[in-house]
Amino acid sequence: MDDVVHLARVHSPFVSLELARLEDGNWEIVEVGDGQVSGLRDMDPIAFFRALGIALDSNP
């Protein structure tokens, strides 16, 4: 919960958050940014979110 409080202190209308799943199944915040460089770049958004959904479903 402390991480959420720190995230709320970022003074930006949009934030990016990088997460990593640890070997024990817990999640760790890797980096928080103000969103200036976030995005999918050249990747097709539909393909990205489809792959993300599959990955999340297969790794509960």
N, C-alpha and C. Protein backbone atom coordinates (compact mmCIF):
# COMPACT_ATOMS: atom_id res chain seq x y z
N MET A 1 0.83 -1.20 0.00
CA MET A 1 0.00 0.00 0.00
C MET A 1 0.87 1.25 0.00
N ASP A 2 2.03 1.21 0.61
CA ASP A 2 2.92 2.37 0.60
C ASP A 2 3.29 2.78 -0.81
N ASP A 3 3.45 1.79 -1.71
CA ASP A 3 3.80 2.11 -3.09
C ASP A 3 2.70 2.92 -3.77
N VAL A 4 1.46 2.61 -3.45
CA VAL A 4 0.33 3.35 -4.04
C VAL A 4 0.34 4.79 -3.55
N VAL A 5 0.65 5.00 -2.29
CA VAL A 5 0.72 6.35 -1.74
C VAL A 5 1.82 7.14 -2.44
N HIS A 6 2.97 6.53 -2.66
CA HIS A 6 4.06 7.21 -3.37
C HIS A 6 3.67 7.53 -4.81
N LEU A 7 2.97 6.61 -5.46
CA LEU A 7 2.53 6.82 -6.83
C LEU A 7 1.58 8.00 -6.91
N ALA A 8 0.73 8.17 -5.92
CA ALA A 8 -0.23 9.27 -5.91
C ALA A 8 0.47 10.62 -5.79
N ARG A 9 1.72 10.63 -5.34
CA ARG A 9 2.46 11.88 -5.18
C ARG A 9 3.12 12.36 -6.48
N VAL A 10 3.06 11.56 -7.54
CA VAL A 10 3.63 11.97 -8.82
C VAL A 10 2.72 13.05 -9.40
N HIS A 11 3.26 14.21 -9.64
CA HIS A 11 2.47 15.35 -10.11
C HIS A 11 2.40 15.34 -11.64
N SER A 12 1.56 14.48 -12.15
CA SER A 12 1.39 14.34 -13.59
C SER A 12 -0.01 13.78 -13.83
N PRO A 13 -0.66 14.21 -14.91
CA PRO A 13 -2.00 13.68 -15.20
C PRO A 13 -1.95 12.23 -15.70
N PHE A 14 -0.77 11.75 -16.02
CA PHE A 14 -0.62 10.40 -16.54
C PHE A 14 0.70 9.83 -16.02
N VAL A 15 0.71 8.62 -15.57
CA VAL A 15 1.95 7.98 -15.12
C VAL A 15 2.11 6.63 -15.81
N SER A 16 3.36 6.24 -15.97
CA SER A 16 3.66 4.89 -16.45
C SER A 16 4.25 4.12 -15.30
N LEU A 17 3.97 2.83 -15.27
CA LEU A 17 4.42 1.99 -14.17
C LEU A 17 4.95 0.69 -14.75
N GLU A 18 6.20 0.38 -14.44
CA GLU A 18 6.79 -0.87 -14.89
C GLU A 18 6.79 -1.84 -13.72
N LEU A 19 6.27 -3.03 -13.97
CA LEU A 19 6.18 -4.06 -12.94
C LEU A 19 6.96 -5.29 -13.38
N ALA A 20 7.44 -6.04 -12.40
CA ALA A 20 8.09 -7.32 -12.66
C ALA A 20 7.49 -8.35 -11.72
N ARG A 21 7.25 -9.52 -12.24
CA ARG A 21 6.74 -10.60 -11.40
C ARG A 21 7.93 -11.41 -10.91
N LEU A 22 8.02 -11.56 -9.62
CA LEU A 22 9.13 -12.27 -9.02
C LEU A 22 8.91 -13.78 -9.09
N GLU A 23 9.97 -14.54 -8.87
CA GLU A 23 9.87 -16.00 -8.93
C GLU A 23 8.88 -16.55 -7.92
N ASP A 24 8.69 -15.83 -6.80
CA ASP A 24 7.75 -16.30 -5.78
C ASP A 24 6.30 -15.90 -6.08
N GLY A 25 6.07 -15.22 -7.22
CA GLY A 25 4.73 -14.84 -7.64
C GLY A 25 4.31 -13.44 -7.24
N ASN A 26 5.07 -12.80 -6.37
CA ASN A 26 4.77 -11.43 -5.97
C ASN A 26 5.17 -10.45 -7.07
N TRP A 27 4.56 -9.27 -7.03
CA TRP A 27 4.86 -8.23 -8.01
C TRP A 27 5.72 -7.15 -7.36
N GLU A 28 6.63 -6.59 -8.13
CA GLU A 28 7.53 -5.55 -7.65
C GLU A 28 7.47 -4.37 -8.62
N ILE A 29 7.39 -3.16 -8.10
CA ILE A 29 7.46 -1.97 -8.94
C ILE A 29 8.91 -1.75 -9.32
N VAL A 30 9.18 -1.68 -10.62
CA VAL A 30 10.54 -1.48 -11.12
C VAL A 30 10.81 0.00 -11.33
N GLU A 31 9.84 0.68 -11.92
CA GLU A 31 10.05 2.10 -12.25
C GLU A 31 8.71 2.80 -12.38
N VAL A 32 8.67 4.04 -11.97
CA VAL A 32 7.51 4.90 -12.15
C VAL A 32 7.96 6.11 -12.96
N GLY A 33 7.20 6.46 -13.97
CA GLY A 33 7.53 7.62 -14.79
C GLY A 33 6.33 8.51 -14.98
N ASP A 34 6.57 9.66 -15.57
CA ASP A 34 5.47 10.62 -15.77
C ASP A 34 4.73 10.40 -17.09
N GLY A 35 5.05 9.35 -17.80
CA GLY A 35 4.29 9.00 -19.01
C GLY A 35 4.79 9.63 -20.28
N GLN A 36 5.84 10.43 -20.24
CA GLN A 36 6.30 11.11 -21.44
C GLN A 36 6.83 10.15 -22.50
N VAL A 37 7.38 9.03 -22.08
CA VAL A 37 7.95 8.10 -23.05
C VAL A 37 7.20 6.77 -23.09
N SER A 38 6.02 6.74 -22.54
CA SER A 38 5.26 5.49 -22.56
C SER A 38 4.56 5.33 -23.90
N GLY A 39 4.22 4.13 -24.19
CA GLY A 39 3.51 3.86 -25.44
C GLY A 39 3.98 2.56 -26.05
N LEU A 40 3.34 2.16 -27.12
CA LEU A 40 3.64 0.89 -27.76
C LEU A 40 4.61 1.03 -28.93
N ARG A 41 4.98 2.25 -29.25
CA ARG A 41 5.88 2.51 -30.38
C ARG A 41 5.31 1.89 -31.65
N ASP A 42 6.04 0.95 -32.25
CA ASP A 42 5.62 0.39 -33.53
C ASP A 42 4.78 -0.87 -33.41
N MET A 43 4.44 -1.25 -32.18
CA MET A 43 3.69 -2.48 -32.00
C MET A 43 2.19 -2.23 -32.18
N ASP A 44 1.53 -3.20 -32.80
CA ASP A 44 0.09 -3.14 -32.98
C ASP A 44 -0.59 -3.28 -31.62
N PRO A 45 -1.42 -2.30 -31.21
CA PRO A 45 -2.05 -2.36 -29.89
C PRO A 45 -2.91 -3.60 -29.67
N ILE A 46 -3.62 -4.04 -30.69
CA ILE A 46 -4.46 -5.23 -30.54
C ILE A 46 -3.59 -6.45 -30.27
N ALA A 47 -2.50 -6.60 -31.01
CA ALA A 47 -1.59 -7.73 -30.80
C ALA A 47 -0.97 -7.66 -29.40
N PHE A 48 -0.60 -6.47 -28.97
CA PHE A 48 0.00 -6.32 -27.65
C PHE A 48 -0.95 -6.74 -26.54
N PHE A 49 -2.17 -6.20 -26.55
CA PHE A 49 -3.11 -6.50 -25.48
C PHE A 49 -3.60 -7.95 -25.54
N ARG A 50 -3.67 -8.53 -26.72
CA ARG A 50 -4.01 -9.94 -26.84
C ARG A 50 -2.92 -10.80 -26.20
N ALA A 51 -1.65 -10.50 -26.51
CA ALA A 51 -0.53 -11.24 -25.93
C ALA A 51 -0.47 -11.03 -24.41
N LEU A 52 -0.74 -9.81 -23.95
CA LEU A 52 -0.74 -9.53 -22.52
C LEU A 52 -1.83 -10.35 -21.82
N GLY A 53 -3.00 -10.40 -22.40
CA GLY A 53 -4.11 -11.16 -21.81
C GLY A 53 -3.77 -12.64 -21.73
N ILE A 54 -3.17 -13.18 -22.78
CA ILE A 54 -2.78 -14.59 -22.77
C ILE A 54 -1.73 -14.85 -21.69
N ALA A 55 -0.75 -13.95 -21.59
CA ALA A 55 0.31 -14.11 -20.59
C ALA A 55 -0.25 -14.05 -19.17
N LEU A 56 -1.17 -13.13 -18.93
CA LEU A 56 -1.76 -13.01 -17.60
C LEU A 56 -2.64 -14.20 -17.26
N ASP A 57 -3.38 -14.70 -18.25
CA ASP A 57 -4.23 -15.87 -18.01
C ASP A 57 -3.43 -17.13 -17.74
N SER A 58 -2.26 -17.24 -18.34
CA SER A 58 -1.46 -18.45 -18.18
C SER A 58 -0.54 -18.40 -16.96
N ASN A 59 -0.45 -17.24 -16.29
CA ASN A 59 0.41 -17.09 -15.14
C ASN A 59 -0.36 -16.45 -13.98
N PRO A 60 -1.29 -17.22 -13.39
CA PRO A 60 -2.12 -16.63 -12.32
C PRO A 60 -1.32 -16.27 -11.08
